[in-house]
Amino acid sequence: MKTIVSAETSPNRTPISTQVAQPTVVIEAHRSWWELELYELWKYRELILTICWRDIKTRYTQSMIGVGWLLISPLFTIAVMTVIFSYWAKIPSDGVPYPLFVYSAMLPWGYFSKSLERSSTSVANESSLITKVYFPRVIIPIASTLGGLVDCVVGFVLVIAMGLWFGITPTWGILTLPLLLGLAFATALAISLWFTAIHVRYHDIAAVTGILVQVWMYASPVIYPLSMVPEQWRVVYSLNPMVGVIEGFRWALLGKASPDLLLMTISMVIVFVILAGGYLFFKKMERSFADVI
C-alpha cells in the first residue's frame, strides 16, 4: 500500500500567507502484489519493536517465576531426553555429553517451533488492529518471530554454564552466533509467513502446525547426530532448512568439527528461497485480510 504525502491549505478567508499547510495522506492500493516495498518495514520499525515488547511482557507478566521458566523447562526436557535417548536407546552424541549435545540443538529448535506456533495465528489474533488502521501487515509475524530471540539469548547463558560444568569451554566459533541467530530468525520467519497467511482463511491450519512441528523435530538432527544419516542421503536431508541451523549452533557452542559447508550452503539457499516465496505469498494474500477476518 502506497502512502503519498502532500500539503494543502484550508479554503477560508484568511490570507494565504498566514495559512498553515495541513498534511494530507492519501492511501492507495498496490498496483501489483509483487511490489515488495521493503522501505515500509524500516518506516514502521518502531511499531515492530512495540508489538514485540508487548508480546514479551504478555508472556511473563503475572507469572510467579517469570523468565525462570526459560531455564526450568529446558532442564526438565533435557533430563527426560537424556534418560530415554541416551541411557535407554543408546543414541550416540559424537563424543559430547548427551545433555549438552541435546540442549545445543534444542536452543535453535525451541526458538523455531515456538515462533512458528505463535506467528501462525498472529495476524488473526490482531484482527481488531488490522480492521481499524493501516500498517504493513507483515509487521505482525515479524514481531512475533523477533520476540522469541529474547528466549534464545537467555538460553545461551544456560548452555555456556552447562559447557563449563562438563569441561567444554567456548571457542572462537561463538563469535558467529549473531549470524546463526539471524539464520534461525530467517528460517522461522520464512515458514511463518506461509502459515500465517493461510491461517487467516483456514483456522484449522493451527492444528496442522502442531503436528508438523512434532514430525519436523524427528526429521532434524536434534536428538541424534548428523553422522547417523547415511552419507548418500545427506544432501537430500539438508533440504530441511533446520539442519544447517542446528549444525551451526552445535559447532559454535560446542567447538565440534566444522559443519559441512555444502550442507550449510544448501540449507541457507533453501531458507532464502522459502523466505522470498513466503513474503510474496503473504503480500498477495494480505489484500483480503481485513475482509476475511
Protein backbone atom coordinates (compact mmCIF):
# COMPACT_ATOMS: atom_id res chain seq x y z
CA MET A 1 0.00 0.00 0.00
CA LYS A 2 1.45 3.33 -1.01
CA THR A 3 1.35 6.50 1.05
CA ILE A 4 1.60 9.87 -0.67
CA VAL A 5 2.11 12.97 1.45
CA SER A 6 1.24 16.40 0.10
CA ALA A 7 0.29 19.77 1.52
CA GLU A 8 -2.85 21.83 1.03
CA THR A 9 -4.42 24.85 2.67
CA SER A 10 -7.90 25.21 4.08
CA PRO A 11 -10.30 27.23 1.90
CA ASN A 12 -11.23 30.17 4.08
CA ARG A 13 -10.96 33.93 4.06
CA THR A 14 -7.65 34.05 5.87
CA PRO A 15 -4.86 35.40 3.66
CA ILE A 16 -2.87 32.62 2.08
CA SER A 17 0.36 33.99 3.56
CA THR A 18 -0.92 33.33 7.11
CA GLN A 19 -2.37 29.88 6.48
CA VAL A 20 -0.60 26.79 7.89
CA ALA A 21 -0.18 23.92 5.45
CA GLN A 22 -2.01 20.79 6.61
CA PRO A 23 -0.57 17.40 5.60
CA THR A 24 -2.81 15.17 3.55
CA VAL A 25 -2.22 11.43 3.46
CA VAL A 26 -3.59 9.51 0.51
CA ILE A 27 -3.61 5.71 0.78
CA GLU A 28 -3.74 3.81 -2.49
CA ALA A 29 -3.97 0.11 -3.28
CA HIS A 30 -0.98 -1.78 -4.62
CA ARG A 31 -0.77 -1.84 -8.37
CA SER A 32 0.59 -5.38 -8.18
CA TRP A 33 1.04 -7.90 -5.37
CA TRP A 34 4.72 -8.47 -6.13
CA GLU A 35 5.68 -4.92 -5.12
CA LEU A 36 7.89 -5.62 -2.12
CA GLU A 37 8.01 -2.11 -0.62
CA LEU A 38 10.62 -3.14 1.93
CA TYR A 39 11.17 0.50 2.82
CA GLU A 40 7.86 0.40 4.72
CA LEU A 41 9.36 -2.07 7.21
CA TRP A 42 12.00 0.47 8.14
CA LYS A 43 9.41 3.24 8.25
CA TYR A 44 7.33 1.25 10.76
CA ARG A 45 10.28 -0.11 12.74
CA GLU A 46 9.00 1.43 15.99
CA LEU A 47 5.72 -0.44 15.61
CA ILE A 48 7.63 -3.71 15.18
CA LEU A 49 9.51 -3.11 18.42
CA THR A 50 6.33 -2.05 20.24
CA ILE A 51 4.43 -5.20 19.28
CA CYS A 52 7.47 -7.33 20.05
CA TRP A 53 7.89 -5.82 23.53
CA ARG A 54 4.15 -6.16 24.21
CA ASP A 55 4.27 -9.88 23.37
CA ILE A 56 7.28 -10.42 25.65
CA LYS A 57 5.59 -8.68 28.58
CA THR A 58 2.36 -10.63 27.98
CA ARG A 59 4.21 -13.94 28.22
CA TYR A 60 5.85 -13.21 31.56
CA THR A 61 3.51 -10.87 33.44
CA GLN A 62 1.52 -12.33 36.35
CA SER A 63 3.89 -15.28 36.47
CA MET A 64 5.46 -16.42 39.73
CA ILE A 65 8.74 -17.46 38.13
CA GLY A 66 8.72 -15.26 35.01
CA VAL A 67 11.76 -15.77 32.80
CA GLY A 68 12.82 -18.55 35.16
CA TRP A 69 10.68 -20.86 33.05
CA LEU A 70 13.23 -20.38 30.27
CA LEU A 71 15.68 -22.31 32.44
CA ILE A 72 13.37 -24.76 34.23
CA SER A 73 11.54 -26.02 31.13
CA PRO A 74 14.64 -26.92 29.07
CA LEU A 75 16.33 -28.57 32.06
CA PHE A 76 13.32 -30.84 32.55
CA THR A 77 13.20 -31.62 28.81
CA ILE A 78 16.93 -32.39 28.72
CA ALA A 79 16.63 -34.75 31.70
CA VAL A 80 13.81 -36.72 30.06
CA MET A 81 15.57 -36.91 26.67
CA THR A 82 18.84 -37.99 28.28
CA VAL A 83 17.17 -40.90 30.08
CA ILE A 84 15.15 -42.06 27.06
CA PHE A 85 17.51 -41.49 24.15
CA SER A 86 20.93 -41.77 25.76
CA TYR A 87 20.58 -44.33 28.56
CA TRP A 88 17.80 -46.47 27.07
CA ALA A 89 18.09 -46.04 23.28
CA LYS A 90 21.90 -45.62 23.39
CA ILE A 91 21.90 -42.91 20.72
CA PRO A 92 25.47 -41.57 20.21
CA SER A 93 26.36 -37.92 20.64
CA ASP A 94 29.68 -37.58 18.77
CA GLY A 95 31.72 -37.66 21.96
CA VAL A 96 29.83 -34.75 23.56
CA PRO A 97 27.93 -35.27 26.85
CA TYR A 98 24.39 -36.03 25.75
CA PRO A 99 22.63 -33.34 27.86
CA LEU A 100 24.83 -30.67 26.29
CA PHE A 101 24.51 -32.27 22.86
CA VAL A 102 20.70 -32.13 23.01
CA TYR A 103 20.40 -28.67 24.51
CA SER A 104 22.69 -27.09 21.92
CA ALA A 105 20.15 -28.29 19.33
CA MET A 106 17.04 -27.60 21.43
CA LEU A 107 18.06 -23.95 21.67
CA PRO A 108 17.50 -23.14 17.96
CA TRP A 109 14.80 -25.77 17.58
CA GLY A 110 12.80 -24.44 20.54
CA TYR A 111 13.02 -20.94 19.12
CA PHE A 112 11.90 -22.14 15.69
CA SER A 113 8.97 -24.24 16.91
CA LYS A 114 7.62 -21.66 19.35
CA SER A 115 7.98 -18.86 16.80
CA LEU A 116 6.11 -20.93 14.23
CA GLU A 117 3.27 -21.68 16.65
CA ARG A 118 2.95 -18.06 17.79
CA SER A 119 3.36 -16.45 14.38
CA SER A 120 0.95 -18.75 12.56
CA THR A 121 -2.00 -17.26 14.48
CA SER A 122 -0.60 -13.76 14.98
CA VAL A 123 -2.48 -11.98 12.17
CA ALA A 124 -5.85 -13.48 13.17
CA ASN A 125 -5.19 -12.51 16.79
CA GLU A 126 -4.64 -8.89 15.75
CA SER A 127 -7.96 -8.62 13.90
CA SER A 128 -9.10 -5.59 15.92
CA LEU A 129 -5.98 -3.71 14.91
CA ILE A 130 -5.96 -4.77 11.28
CA THR A 131 -9.55 -3.66 10.65
CA LYS A 132 -9.02 -0.20 12.12
CA VAL A 133 -5.71 1.21 10.91
CA TYR A 134 -3.28 0.73 8.06
CA PHE A 135 0.23 -0.58 8.53
CA PRO A 136 2.21 -3.25 6.66
CA ARG A 137 0.58 -6.50 7.80
CA VAL A 138 3.86 -8.38 7.54
CA ILE A 139 4.98 -6.47 10.62
CA ILE A 140 2.86 -8.77 12.81
CA PRO A 141 4.59 -12.11 12.02
CA ILE A 142 7.96 -10.34 12.01
CA ALA A 143 7.36 -9.00 15.54
CA SER A 144 6.10 -12.39 16.76
CA THR A 145 9.19 -14.13 15.39
CA LEU A 146 11.56 -11.46 16.68
CA GLY A 147 10.26 -11.72 20.24
CA GLY A 148 11.48 -15.30 20.61
CA LEU A 149 15.10 -14.19 20.25
CA VAL A 150 14.96 -12.99 23.86
CA ASP A 151 14.35 -16.58 24.97
CA CYS A 152 17.32 -17.68 22.87
CA VAL A 153 19.66 -15.17 24.50
CA VAL A 154 18.67 -16.38 27.97
CA GLY A 155 19.24 -19.95 26.80
CA PHE A 156 22.82 -19.12 25.82
CA VAL A 157 23.61 -18.49 29.47
CA LEU A 158 22.44 -21.98 30.40
CA VAL A 159 24.25 -23.77 27.57
CA ILE A 160 27.54 -22.00 28.34
CA ALA A 161 27.15 -22.85 32.04
CA MET A 162 26.47 -26.49 31.16
CA GLY A 163 29.52 -26.50 28.88
CA LEU A 164 31.75 -25.25 31.68
CA TRP A 165 30.25 -27.87 34.01
CA PHE A 166 31.21 -30.63 31.55
CA GLY A 167 34.61 -29.08 30.90
CA ILE A 168 33.88 -27.65 27.46
CA THR A 169 34.92 -24.03 27.01
CA PRO A 170 33.63 -21.80 24.19
CA THR A 171 35.86 -21.41 21.14
CA TRP A 172 36.16 -18.57 18.66
CA GLY A 173 33.18 -20.08 16.85
CA ILE A 174 30.92 -18.47 19.42
CA LEU A 175 31.55 -15.17 17.61
CA THR A 176 29.42 -16.45 14.74
CA LEU A 177 26.34 -16.78 16.96
CA PRO A 178 24.82 -13.45 15.78
CA LEU A 179 24.96 -14.73 12.19
CA LEU A 180 23.49 -18.08 13.21
CA LEU A 181 20.75 -16.29 15.15
CA GLY A 182 19.98 -14.33 12.01
CA LEU A 183 19.74 -17.58 10.06
CA ALA A 184 17.43 -19.07 12.71
CA PHE A 185 15.26 -15.93 12.56
CA ALA A 186 15.11 -16.09 8.76
CA THR A 187 14.15 -19.78 8.89
CA ALA A 188 11.38 -19.24 11.43
CA LEU A 189 10.05 -16.20 9.57
CA ALA A 190 10.18 -17.97 6.19
CA ILE A 191 7.87 -20.78 7.33
CA SER A 192 5.72 -18.47 9.48
CA LEU A 193 4.81 -16.21 6.56
CA TRP A 194 3.26 -19.11 4.67
CA PHE A 195 1.34 -20.48 7.65
CA THR A 196 0.21 -17.05 8.86
CA ALA A 197 -1.32 -16.09 5.52
CA ILE A 198 -3.10 -19.45 5.22
CA HIS A 199 -4.36 -19.35 8.84
CA VAL A 200 -6.31 -16.14 8.21
CA ARG A 201 -8.60 -18.05 5.84
CA TYR A 202 -8.34 -21.56 7.27
CA HIS A 203 -8.07 -21.59 11.06
CA ASP A 204 -7.55 -25.34 11.31
CA ILE A 205 -4.01 -24.77 9.98
CA ALA A 206 -3.09 -24.21 13.65
CA ALA A 207 -3.69 -27.91 14.34
CA VAL A 208 -1.60 -28.83 11.29
CA THR A 209 1.20 -26.62 12.59
CA GLY A 210 1.34 -28.53 15.88
CA ILE A 211 1.56 -31.88 14.09
CA LEU A 212 4.15 -30.58 11.63
CA VAL A 213 6.38 -29.30 14.44
CA GLN A 214 6.37 -32.69 16.14
CA VAL A 215 7.23 -34.57 12.96
CA TRP A 216 9.78 -31.94 11.89
CA MET A 217 11.76 -32.33 15.11
CA TYR A 218 12.42 -36.02 14.42
CA ALA A 219 13.36 -35.13 10.83
CA SER A 220 16.05 -32.77 12.20
CA PRO A 221 19.30 -33.69 14.00
CA VAL A 222 18.03 -32.73 17.46
CA ILE A 223 18.16 -35.98 19.42
CA TYR A 224 20.65 -37.73 17.13
CA PRO A 225 23.85 -36.62 15.33
CA LEU A 226 24.06 -35.93 11.62
CA SER A 227 26.60 -38.74 11.39
CA MET A 228 23.75 -41.25 11.81
CA VAL A 229 22.25 -40.17 8.49
CA PRO A 230 23.61 -42.33 5.63
CA GLU A 231 26.11 -40.31 3.64
CA GLN A 232 24.31 -40.85 0.33
CA TRP A 233 21.19 -39.23 1.79
CA ARG A 234 22.78 -36.23 3.48
CA VAL A 235 22.35 -33.85 0.55
CA VAL A 236 18.64 -34.66 0.42
CA TYR A 237 18.48 -34.47 4.21
CA SER A 238 20.00 -30.98 4.14
CA LEU A 239 16.98 -29.73 2.19
CA ASN A 240 15.49 -29.45 5.65
CA PRO A 241 16.49 -25.83 6.46
CA MET A 242 16.84 -26.58 10.17
CA VAL A 243 19.75 -28.94 9.52
CA GLY A 244 22.12 -26.08 8.76
CA VAL A 245 20.85 -24.03 11.70
CA ILE A 246 21.26 -26.83 14.25
CA GLU A 247 24.66 -27.97 12.98
CA GLY A 248 25.85 -24.37 13.01
CA PHE A 249 24.77 -23.90 16.63
CA ARG A 250 26.45 -27.12 17.72
CA TRP A 251 29.70 -26.08 16.08
CA ALA A 252 29.62 -22.58 17.59
CA LEU A 253 28.64 -23.67 21.11
CA LEU A 254 30.46 -26.98 21.48
CA GLY A 255 33.51 -26.48 19.30
CA LYS A 256 32.89 -29.76 17.49
CA ALA A 257 34.07 -30.36 13.93
CA SER A 258 33.10 -27.64 11.49
CA PRO A 259 29.80 -28.33 9.70
CA ASP A 260 29.85 -29.49 6.10
CA LEU A 261 29.96 -26.29 4.02
CA LEU A 262 27.97 -27.91 1.20
CA LEU A 263 25.15 -28.90 3.54
CA MET A 264 25.18 -25.46 5.20
CA THR A 265 25.04 -23.74 1.82
CA ILE A 266 22.13 -25.88 0.66
CA SER A 267 20.20 -25.16 3.85
CA MET A 268 20.83 -21.41 3.56
CA VAL A 269 19.71 -21.31 -0.08
CA ILE A 270 16.54 -23.21 0.82
CA VAL A 271 15.83 -20.77 3.66
CA PHE A 272 16.08 -17.69 1.48
CA VAL A 273 14.04 -19.25 -1.33
CA ILE A 274 11.25 -20.10 1.14
CA LEU A 275 11.55 -16.64 2.71
CA ALA A 276 11.25 -14.83 -0.62
CA GLY A 277 8.33 -17.01 -1.68
CA GLY A 278 6.63 -16.61 1.69
CA TYR A 279 6.93 -12.83 1.57
CA LEU A 280 5.44 -12.64 -1.92
CA PHE A 281 2.65 -15.04 -0.94
CA PHE A 282 1.89 -13.02 2.19
CA LYS A 283 1.78 -9.77 0.18
CA LYS A 284 -0.66 -11.35 -2.24
CA MET A 285 -2.96 -12.67 0.50
CA GLU A 286 -2.92 -9.58 2.73
CA ARG A 287 -5.29 -7.73 0.41
CA SER A 288 -8.21 -9.76 1.78
CA PHE A 289 -7.11 -9.97 5.43
CA ALA A 290 -9.45 -7.23 6.70
CA ASP A 291 -12.42 -8.73 4.81
CA VAL A 292 -11.83 -12.33 5.86
CA ILE A 293 -11.00 -11.58 9.50
